[in-house]
Amino acid sequence: MELEYGGRRYPVAEGELVLGADTTSSVVLAGAQPRHAVIRALGERMATIRAAVAGAHIAVNGVPVGPDPTPLMHGDTIQIGSHQLKVLNPTHPTGGPNTPPAGARERLHDTLFGLPRSTATPVQGVPAAAPRRSAPPQPASSGRTWIVVAAVASVLVIAWLLLR
């Protein structure tokens, strides 16, 4: 996995690749926060991006990145301020698709992190999923219910003993 910015390519190797205005960042972006975003490789074909500090504005393919790490794939475009970085995978098959099929990003996120995203990444042409509904709350049972059950059980036991 590589990032292309300003005519240069930056490999996303094991560990973290830091994007920001600090001169110690892997990719220096003037006007960004000192440590604006962090990219972490997940094997050779994929990586994730997350904000390094609260309030860091990042968009992937025009969609703002939330608090969870967002998967990056070949062909994605990262927008930080006026800077655009292109995600490239040198091992990507020539002529293959540049973007995942509709809904794949959400399924990938669910697989990576085990929980649905709090806000799904919108995909053109795909209707938004309906929010999950939880079961309606059950009224709390009072202590009287158990007293009635115990009384009925006692009466039945006494009747059975007397009629034996």
N, C-alpha and C. Protein backbone atom coordinates (compact mmCIF):
# COMPACT_ATOMS: atom_id res chain seq x y z
N MET A 1 0.85 -1.17 0.00
CA MET A 1 0.00 0.00 0.00
C MET A 1 0.90 1.24 0.00
N GLU A 2 0.52 2.23 -0.80
CA GLU A 2 1.29 3.47 -0.90
C GLU A 2 0.34 4.67 -0.96
N LEU A 3 0.86 5.82 -0.56
CA LEU A 3 0.15 7.09 -0.73
C LEU A 3 0.90 7.90 -1.77
N GLU A 4 0.14 8.53 -2.67
CA GLU A 4 0.75 9.41 -3.66
C GLU A 4 0.35 10.83 -3.34
N TYR A 5 1.36 11.69 -3.17
CA TYR A 5 1.10 13.09 -2.85
C TYR A 5 2.25 13.93 -3.38
N GLY A 6 1.91 14.97 -4.11
CA GLY A 6 2.92 15.89 -4.63
C GLY A 6 3.91 15.22 -5.55
N GLY A 7 3.48 14.24 -6.32
CA GLY A 7 4.37 13.56 -7.25
C GLY A 7 5.27 12.51 -6.61
N ARG A 8 5.16 12.32 -5.30
CA ARG A 8 5.97 11.31 -4.60
C ARG A 8 5.08 10.21 -4.09
N ARG A 9 5.67 9.05 -3.89
CA ARG A 9 4.95 7.91 -3.30
C ARG A 9 5.56 7.59 -1.94
N TYR A 10 4.67 7.39 -0.97
CA TYR A 10 5.07 7.09 0.40
C TYR A 10 4.55 5.70 0.76
N PRO A 11 5.44 4.74 1.02
CA PRO A 11 4.97 3.39 1.36
C PRO A 11 4.33 3.37 2.75
N VAL A 12 3.22 2.65 2.85
CA VAL A 12 2.57 2.44 4.15
C VAL A 12 3.04 1.06 4.62
N ALA A 13 4.11 1.08 5.40
CA ALA A 13 4.71 -0.17 5.87
C ALA A 13 4.10 -0.55 7.22
N GLU A 14 4.66 -1.56 7.84
CA GLU A 14 4.22 -1.96 9.17
C GLU A 14 4.35 -0.78 10.12
N GLY A 15 3.48 -0.70 11.08
CA GLY A 15 3.50 0.42 12.02
C GLY A 15 2.57 1.51 11.54
N GLU A 16 2.91 2.75 11.85
CA GLU A 16 2.04 3.87 11.53
C GLU A 16 2.73 4.85 10.59
N LEU A 17 1.92 5.45 9.73
CA LEU A 17 2.37 6.53 8.86
C LEU A 17 1.61 7.77 9.32
N VAL A 18 2.33 8.80 9.77
CA VAL A 18 1.70 10.00 10.33
C VAL A 18 1.62 11.08 9.26
N LEU A 19 0.42 11.69 9.14
CA LEU A 19 0.21 12.81 8.23
C LEU A 19 0.00 14.05 9.09
N GLY A 20 0.72 15.12 8.80
CA GLY A 20 0.55 16.34 9.59
C GLY A 20 1.55 17.40 9.21
N ALA A 21 1.45 18.54 9.92
CA ALA A 21 2.32 19.68 9.63
C ALA A 21 3.67 19.59 10.32
N ASP A 22 3.80 18.70 11.31
CA ASP A 22 5.06 18.56 12.03
C ASP A 22 6.13 18.02 11.08
N THR A 23 7.33 18.54 11.19
CA THR A 23 8.41 18.10 10.30
C THR A 23 8.82 16.66 10.54
N THR A 24 8.43 16.08 11.68
CA THR A 24 8.75 14.67 11.93
C THR A 24 7.69 13.73 11.35
N SER A 25 6.60 14.28 10.78
CA SER A 25 5.56 13.46 10.17
C SER A 25 6.11 12.75 8.95
N SER A 26 5.56 11.57 8.66
CA SER A 26 5.98 10.82 7.47
C SER A 26 5.65 11.58 6.20
N VAL A 27 4.46 12.21 6.17
CA VAL A 27 4.05 13.05 5.05
C VAL A 27 3.70 14.42 5.64
N VAL A 28 4.47 15.44 5.27
CA VAL A 28 4.28 16.78 5.82
C VAL A 28 3.24 17.53 4.98
N LEU A 29 2.18 18.00 5.66
CA LEU A 29 1.10 18.73 5.00
C LEU A 29 1.00 20.12 5.65
N ALA A 30 1.40 21.14 4.92
CA ALA A 30 1.36 22.51 5.45
C ALA A 30 -0.09 22.90 5.72
N GLY A 31 -0.31 23.52 6.88
CA GLY A 31 -1.65 23.98 7.23
C GLY A 31 -2.48 22.97 8.00
N ALA A 32 -2.01 21.73 8.08
CA ALA A 32 -2.73 20.71 8.86
C ALA A 32 -2.27 20.81 10.32
N GLN A 33 -2.90 20.04 11.18
CA GLN A 33 -2.46 19.98 12.57
C GLN A 33 -1.12 19.22 12.62
N PRO A 34 -0.32 19.41 13.67
CA PRO A 34 1.00 18.76 13.71
C PRO A 34 0.92 17.24 13.50
N ARG A 35 0.03 16.57 14.20
CA ARG A 35 -0.24 15.13 13.97
C ARG A 35 -1.71 15.04 13.61
N HIS A 36 -2.03 15.14 12.33
CA HIS A 36 -3.41 15.25 11.88
C HIS A 36 -4.08 13.88 11.74
N ALA A 37 -3.42 12.96 11.07
CA ALA A 37 -4.01 11.65 10.81
C ALA A 37 -2.95 10.56 10.92
N VAL A 38 -3.41 9.35 11.21
CA VAL A 38 -2.52 8.19 11.30
C VAL A 38 -3.06 7.10 10.39
N ILE A 39 -2.19 6.55 9.57
CA ILE A 39 -2.55 5.43 8.69
C ILE A 39 -1.80 4.20 9.18
N ARG A 40 -2.53 3.10 9.33
CA ARG A 40 -1.94 1.85 9.79
C ARG A 40 -2.19 0.78 8.73
N ALA A 41 -1.13 0.09 8.33
CA ALA A 41 -1.24 -0.97 7.33
C ALA A 41 -1.89 -2.20 7.93
N LEU A 42 -2.74 -2.84 7.13
CA LEU A 42 -3.35 -4.12 7.49
C LEU A 42 -3.00 -5.09 6.37
N GLY A 43 -1.83 -5.63 6.41
CA GLY A 43 -1.38 -6.51 5.33
C GLY A 43 -0.89 -5.68 4.16
N GLU A 44 -0.80 -6.31 2.98
CA GLU A 44 -0.28 -5.63 1.79
C GLU A 44 -1.34 -4.85 1.04
N ARG A 45 -2.60 -5.24 1.15
CA ARG A 45 -3.63 -4.68 0.30
C ARG A 45 -4.56 -3.67 0.95
N MET A 46 -4.42 -3.45 2.24
CA MET A 46 -5.37 -2.56 2.89
C MET A 46 -4.72 -1.84 4.05
N ALA A 47 -5.33 -0.73 4.42
CA ALA A 47 -4.88 0.07 5.57
C ALA A 47 -6.10 0.77 6.16
N THR A 48 -5.92 1.37 7.33
CA THR A 48 -6.98 2.18 7.93
C THR A 48 -6.43 3.56 8.21
N ILE A 49 -7.33 4.54 8.25
CA ILE A 49 -6.96 5.91 8.60
C ILE A 49 -7.86 6.35 9.75
N ARG A 50 -7.27 7.12 10.67
CA ARG A 50 -8.03 7.68 11.78
C ARG A 50 -7.44 9.04 12.11
N ALA A 51 -8.25 9.86 12.76
CA ALA A 51 -7.76 11.17 13.20
C ALA A 51 -6.78 10.97 14.35
N ALA A 52 -5.68 11.69 14.32
CA ALA A 52 -4.69 11.57 15.40
C ALA A 52 -5.06 12.43 16.59
N VAL A 53 -5.85 13.49 16.35
CA VAL A 53 -6.28 14.39 17.43
C VAL A 53 -7.75 14.71 17.21
N ALA A 54 -8.42 15.06 18.28
CA ALA A 54 -9.83 15.44 18.18
C ALA A 54 -9.95 16.71 17.33
N GLY A 55 -10.95 16.74 16.49
CA GLY A 55 -11.19 17.91 15.65
C GLY A 55 -10.43 17.91 14.34
N ALA A 56 -9.67 16.87 14.07
CA ALA A 56 -8.94 16.79 12.80
C ALA A 56 -9.93 16.39 11.70
N HIS A 57 -10.07 17.22 10.69
CA HIS A 57 -11.03 16.96 9.62
C HIS A 57 -10.34 16.17 8.50
N ILE A 58 -10.92 14.99 8.22
CA ILE A 58 -10.38 14.09 7.19
C ILE A 58 -11.58 13.58 6.40
N ALA A 59 -11.43 13.46 5.09
CA ALA A 59 -12.48 12.86 4.25
C ALA A 59 -11.83 11.80 3.36
N VAL A 60 -12.54 10.69 3.19
CA VAL A 60 -12.11 9.64 2.27
C VAL A 60 -13.18 9.54 1.19
N ASN A 61 -12.78 9.79 -0.05
CA ASN A 61 -13.71 9.80 -1.18
C ASN A 61 -14.86 10.77 -0.94
N GLY A 62 -14.57 11.90 -0.28
CA GLY A 62 -15.57 12.92 -0.04
C GLY A 62 -16.44 12.70 1.18
N VAL A 63 -16.26 11.60 1.90
CA VAL A 63 -17.06 11.28 3.08
C VAL A 63 -16.22 11.53 4.33
N PRO A 64 -16.70 12.37 5.27
CA PRO A 64 -15.92 12.65 6.48
C PRO A 64 -15.65 11.38 7.28
N VAL A 65 -14.46 11.29 7.82
CA VAL A 65 -14.05 10.15 8.64
C VAL A 65 -14.55 10.38 10.06
N GLY A 66 -15.19 9.37 10.64
CA GLY A 66 -15.69 9.46 12.01
C GLY A 66 -14.60 9.09 13.01
N PRO A 67 -14.99 8.81 14.25
CA PRO A 67 -14.00 8.50 15.28
C PRO A 67 -13.37 7.11 15.11
N ASP A 68 -14.05 6.21 14.40
CA ASP A 68 -13.52 4.86 14.19
C ASP A 68 -12.51 4.86 13.05
N PRO A 69 -11.54 3.93 13.07
CA PRO A 69 -10.65 3.80 11.91
C PRO A 69 -11.46 3.47 10.66
N THR A 70 -11.12 4.08 9.55
CA THR A 70 -11.82 3.88 8.29
C THR A 70 -10.92 3.12 7.33
N PRO A 71 -11.43 2.03 6.71
CA PRO A 71 -10.61 1.27 5.78
C PRO A 71 -10.23 2.09 4.55
N LEU A 72 -9.01 1.88 4.08
CA LEU A 72 -8.52 2.50 2.85
C LEU A 72 -8.22 1.40 1.85
N MET A 73 -8.63 1.60 0.61
CA MET A 73 -8.37 0.61 -0.43
C MET A 73 -7.83 1.31 -1.67
N HIS A 74 -7.31 0.53 -2.58
CA HIS A 74 -6.74 1.05 -3.82
C HIS A 74 -7.73 1.98 -4.51
N GLY A 75 -7.26 3.16 -4.88
CA GLY A 75 -8.08 4.11 -5.60
C GLY A 75 -8.76 5.15 -4.73
N ASP A 76 -8.75 4.97 -3.41
CA ASP A 76 -9.38 5.95 -2.51
C ASP A 76 -8.61 7.27 -2.56
N THR A 77 -9.32 8.36 -2.29
CA THR A 77 -8.72 9.69 -2.21
C THR A 77 -8.93 10.24 -0.81
N ILE A 78 -7.84 10.65 -0.17
CA ILE A 78 -7.89 11.24 1.17
C ILE A 78 -7.80 12.75 1.02
N GLN A 79 -8.71 13.47 1.68
CA GLN A 79 -8.72 14.93 1.64
C GLN A 79 -8.45 15.45 3.05
N ILE A 80 -7.38 16.20 3.20
CA ILE A 80 -7.05 16.88 4.47
C ILE A 80 -6.79 18.33 4.12
N GLY A 81 -7.74 19.20 4.50
CA GLY A 81 -7.64 20.60 4.10
C GLY A 81 -7.64 20.71 2.60
N SER A 82 -6.67 21.40 2.03
CA SER A 82 -6.57 21.53 0.57
C SER A 82 -5.71 20.43 -0.05
N HIS A 83 -5.24 19.50 0.77
CA HIS A 83 -4.35 18.44 0.29
C HIS A 83 -5.15 17.19 -0.10
N GLN A 84 -4.81 16.63 -1.26
CA GLN A 84 -5.41 15.37 -1.70
C GLN A 84 -4.31 14.33 -1.84
N LEU A 85 -4.53 13.18 -1.21
CA LEU A 85 -3.59 12.08 -1.31
C LEU A 85 -4.32 10.90 -1.94
N LYS A 86 -3.66 10.19 -2.82
CA LYS A 86 -4.25 9.05 -3.51
C LYS A 86 -3.69 7.77 -2.90
N VAL A 87 -4.59 6.81 -2.62
CA VAL A 87 -4.18 5.51 -2.08
C VAL A 87 -3.95 4.57 -3.25
N LEU A 88 -2.75 3.98 -3.30
CA LEU A 88 -2.39 3.08 -4.39
C LEU A 88 -1.91 1.74 -3.83
N ASN A 89 -2.19 0.71 -4.57
CA ASN A 89 -1.69 -0.62 -4.22
C ASN A 89 -0.95 -1.16 -5.44
N PRO A 90 0.38 -1.22 -5.40
CA PRO A 90 1.14 -1.69 -6.55
C PRO A 90 0.79 -3.11 -6.97
N THR A 91 0.25 -3.91 -6.05
CA THR A 91 -0.09 -5.30 -6.40
C THR A 91 -1.52 -5.42 -6.91
N HIS A 92 -2.24 -4.29 -7.03
CA HIS A 92 -3.62 -4.32 -7.52
C HIS A 92 -3.62 -4.77 -8.97
N PRO A 93 -4.53 -5.69 -9.34
CA PRO A 93 -4.54 -6.16 -10.73
C PRO A 93 -4.86 -5.03 -11.71
N THR A 94 -4.12 -4.99 -12.81
CA THR A 94 -4.34 -3.96 -13.82
C THR A 94 -5.72 -4.16 -14.43
N GLY A 95 -6.44 -3.06 -14.54
CA GLY A 95 -7.77 -3.13 -15.14
C GLY A 95 -8.85 -3.51 -14.14
N GLY A 96 -8.47 -3.77 -12.91
CA GLY A 96 -9.46 -4.14 -11.89
C GLY A 96 -10.23 -2.93 -11.42
N PRO A 97 -11.23 -3.15 -10.59
CA PRO A 97 -12.02 -2.02 -10.11
C PRO A 97 -11.21 -1.14 -9.16
N ASN A 98 -11.47 0.14 -9.21
CA ASN A 98 -10.76 1.07 -8.33
C ASN A 98 -11.46 1.30 -7.01
N THR A 99 -12.75 1.00 -6.96
CA THR A 99 -13.50 1.20 -5.73
C THR A 99 -14.25 -0.07 -5.39
N PRO A 100 -14.50 -0.29 -4.11
CA PRO A 100 -15.22 -1.50 -3.71
C PRO A 100 -16.68 -1.42 -4.14
N PRO A 101 -17.36 -2.57 -4.24
CA PRO A 101 -18.78 -2.54 -4.57
C PRO A 101 -19.59 -1.88 -3.47
N ALA A 102 -20.81 -1.50 -3.80
CA ALA A 102 -21.67 -0.79 -2.85
C ALA A 102 -21.85 -1.62 -1.58
N GLY A 103 -21.67 -0.97 -0.43
CA GLY A 103 -21.85 -1.61 0.86
C GLY A 103 -20.64 -2.37 1.37
N ALA A 104 -19.61 -2.53 0.54
CA ALA A 104 -18.44 -3.32 0.95
C ALA A 104 -17.68 -2.64 2.08
N ARG A 105 -17.62 -1.32 2.08
CA ARG A 105 -16.86 -0.60 3.11
C ARG A 105 -17.49 -0.85 4.48
N GLU A 106 -18.83 -0.86 4.57
CA GLU A 106 -19.50 -1.10 5.86
C GLU A 106 -19.27 -2.55 6.31
N ARG A 107 -19.40 -3.49 5.37
CA ARG A 107 -19.18 -4.90 5.74
C ARG A 107 -17.74 -5.11 6.19
N LEU A 108 -16.80 -4.45 5.53
CA LEU A 108 -15.39 -4.56 5.91
C LEU A 108 -15.17 -3.99 7.30
N HIS A 109 -15.77 -2.85 7.59
CA HIS A 109 -15.64 -2.24 8.91
C HIS A 109 -16.20 -3.18 9.97
N ASP A 110 -17.38 -3.77 9.70
CA ASP A 110 -17.99 -4.69 10.67
C ASP A 110 -17.09 -5.90 10.91
N THR A 111 -16.45 -6.39 9.85
CA THR A 111 -15.56 -7.54 9.98
C THR A 111 -14.31 -7.19 10.78
N LEU A 112 -13.74 -6.01 10.51
CA LEU A 112 -12.51 -5.61 11.19
C LEU A 112 -12.72 -5.32 12.67
N PHE A 113 -13.81 -4.66 12.99
CA PHE A 113 -13.99 -4.16 14.34
C PHE A 113 -15.10 -4.84 15.11
N GLY A 114 -15.89 -5.70 14.48
CA GLY A 114 -16.92 -6.49 15.17
C GLY A 114 -18.17 -5.73 15.52
N LEU A 115 -18.25 -4.45 15.24
CA LEU A 115 -19.43 -3.67 15.57
C LEU A 115 -19.82 -2.82 14.37
N PRO A 116 -21.11 -2.63 14.17
CA PRO A 116 -21.53 -1.74 13.07
C PRO A 116 -21.06 -0.32 13.33
N ARG A 117 -20.80 0.41 12.27
CA ARG A 117 -20.41 1.81 12.41
C ARG A 117 -21.55 2.61 12.99
N SER A 118 -21.22 3.60 13.78
CA SER A 118 -22.27 4.46 14.33
C SER A 118 -22.91 5.28 13.22
N THR A 119 -22.13 5.66 12.22
CA THR A 119 -22.68 6.34 11.05
C THR A 119 -22.08 5.66 9.84
N ALA A 120 -22.95 5.03 9.05
CA ALA A 120 -22.48 4.29 7.88
C ALA A 120 -22.01 5.26 6.80
N THR A 121 -21.00 4.86 6.05
CA THR A 121 -20.51 5.67 4.95
C THR A 121 -21.54 5.63 3.83
N PRO A 122 -22.09 6.78 3.42
CA PRO A 122 -23.10 6.76 2.37
C PRO A 122 -22.50 6.32 1.04
N VAL A 123 -23.26 5.52 0.30
CA VAL A 123 -22.84 5.04 -1.01
C VAL A 123 -23.91 5.45 -2.00
N GLN A 124 -23.51 6.10 -3.10
CA GLN A 124 -24.49 6.54 -4.07
C GLN A 124 -25.24 5.35 -4.65
N GLY A 125 -26.56 5.50 -4.74
CA GLY A 125 -27.38 4.45 -5.33
C GLY A 125 -27.81 3.37 -4.37
N VAL A 126 -27.33 3.41 -3.14
CA VAL A 126 -27.70 2.40 -2.14
C VAL A 126 -28.49 3.09 -1.04
N PRO A 127 -29.73 2.63 -0.78
CA PRO A 127 -30.50 3.28 0.28
C PRO A 127 -29.86 3.03 1.63
N ALA A 128 -30.01 4.01 2.52
CA ALA A 128 -29.46 3.89 3.87
C ALA A 128 -30.20 2.80 4.63
N ALA A 129 -29.48 2.07 5.44
CA ALA A 129 -30.07 1.00 6.23
C ALA A 129 -30.95 1.60 7.31
N ALA A 130 -32.07 0.91 7.57
CA ALA A 130 -32.96 1.37 8.63
C ALA A 130 -32.30 1.13 9.98
N PRO A 131 -32.50 2.02 10.94
CA PRO A 131 -31.89 1.81 12.25
C PRO A 131 -32.46 0.56 12.91
N ARG A 132 -31.61 -0.13 13.63
CA ARG A 132 -32.04 -1.34 14.32
C ARG A 132 -32.94 -0.96 15.48
N ARG A 133 -34.02 -1.74 15.61
CA ARG A 133 -34.95 -1.48 16.70
C ARG A 133 -34.73 -2.50 17.80
N SER A 134 -34.70 -2.02 19.00
CA SER A 134 -34.55 -2.93 20.13
C SER A 134 -35.94 -3.35 20.60
N ALA A 135 -36.00 -4.42 21.37
CA ALA A 135 -37.27 -4.90 21.89
C ALA A 135 -37.86 -3.84 22.81
N PRO A 136 -39.20 -3.73 22.81
CA PRO A 136 -39.79 -2.73 23.69
C PRO A 136 -39.52 -3.07 25.14
N PRO A 137 -39.33 -2.07 25.98
CA PRO A 137 -39.02 -2.34 27.38
C PRO A 137 -40.20 -3.04 28.07
N GLN A 138 -39.88 -4.04 28.87
CA GLN A 138 -40.89 -4.77 29.64
C GLN A 138 -41.08 -4.07 30.97
N PRO A 139 -42.34 -4.02 31.44
CA PRO A 139 -42.53 -3.38 32.74
C PRO A 139 -41.85 -4.19 33.84
N ALA A 140 -41.28 -3.50 34.77
CA ALA A 140 -40.60 -4.16 35.88
C ALA A 140 -41.64 -4.89 36.74
N SER A 141 -41.35 -6.16 37.03
CA SER A 141 -42.30 -6.90 37.86
C SER A 141 -42.14 -6.47 39.31
N SER A 142 -43.28 -6.34 39.97
CA SER A 142 -43.22 -5.90 41.36
C SER A 142 -43.08 -7.11 42.27
N GLY A 143 -42.81 -6.88 43.52
CA GLY A 143 -42.67 -7.95 44.50
C GLY A 143 -43.98 -8.68 44.75
N ARG A 144 -45.12 -8.03 44.47
CA ARG A 144 -46.42 -8.66 44.69
C ARG A 144 -46.63 -9.85 43.78
N THR A 145 -46.08 -9.84 42.59
CA THR A 145 -46.26 -10.96 41.67
C THR A 145 -45.72 -12.24 42.28
N TRP A 146 -44.54 -12.17 42.85
CA TRP A 146 -43.94 -13.35 43.46
C TRP A 146 -44.72 -13.81 44.69
N ILE A 147 -45.29 -12.90 45.43
CA ILE A 147 -46.10 -13.27 46.60
C ILE A 147 -47.34 -14.03 46.15
N VAL A 148 -47.98 -13.56 45.09
CA VAL A 148 -49.17 -14.24 44.57
C VAL A 148 -48.83 -15.63 44.07
N VAL A 149 -47.73 -15.76 43.34
CA VAL A 149 -47.30 -17.06 42.83
C VAL A 149 -47.00 -18.01 43.98
N ALA A 150 -46.31 -17.52 44.99
CA ALA A 150 -46.00 -18.36 46.15
C ALA A 150 -47.26 -18.77 46.89
N ALA A 151 -48.22 -17.88 47.04
CA ALA A 151 -49.47 -18.20 47.72
C ALA A 151 -50.25 -19.26 46.95
N VAL A 152 -50.36 -19.14 45.65
CA VAL A 152 -51.08 -20.13 44.83
C VAL A 152 -50.39 -21.48 44.92
N ALA A 153 -49.08 -21.49 44.86
CA ALA A 153 -48.34 -22.76 44.96
C ALA A 153 -48.56 -23.39 46.33
N SER A 154 -48.56 -22.58 47.38
CA SER A 154 -48.79 -23.11 48.74
C SER A 154 -50.18 -23.72 48.86
N VAL A 155 -51.20 -23.05 48.34
CA VAL A 155 -52.57 -23.56 48.39
C VAL A 155 -52.66 -24.88 47.64
N LEU A 156 -52.02 -24.99 46.49
CA LEU A 156 -52.06 -26.23 45.71
C LEU A 156 -51.38 -27.37 46.47
N VAL A 157 -50.25 -27.11 47.09
CA VAL A 157 -49.54 -28.14 47.85
C VAL A 157 -50.38 -28.60 49.05
N ILE A 158 -50.98 -27.66 49.76
CA ILE A 158 -51.83 -28.00 50.92
C ILE A 158 -53.05 -28.81 50.48
N ALA A 159 -53.69 -28.41 49.36
CA ALA A 159 -54.84 -29.14 48.85
C ALA A 159 -54.44 -30.56 48.45
N TRP A 160 -53.29 -30.70 47.83
CA TRP A 160 -52.85 -32.02 47.40
C TRP A 160 -52.59 -32.92 48.64
N LEU A 161 -51.95 -32.33 49.68
CA LEU A 161 -51.69 -33.10 50.89
C LEU A 161 -52.98 -33.51 51.59
N LEU A 162 -53.99 -32.64 51.62
CA LEU A 162 -55.28 -32.95 52.30
C LEU A 162 -56.10 -33.97 51.53
N LEU A 163 -56.03 -33.93 50.22
CA LEU A 163 -56.84 -34.83 49.39
C LEU A 163 -56.15 -36.16 49.09
N ARG A 164 -55.04 -36.39 49.60
CA ARG A 164 -54.30 -37.62 49.36
C ARG A 164 -54.82 -38.78 50.07
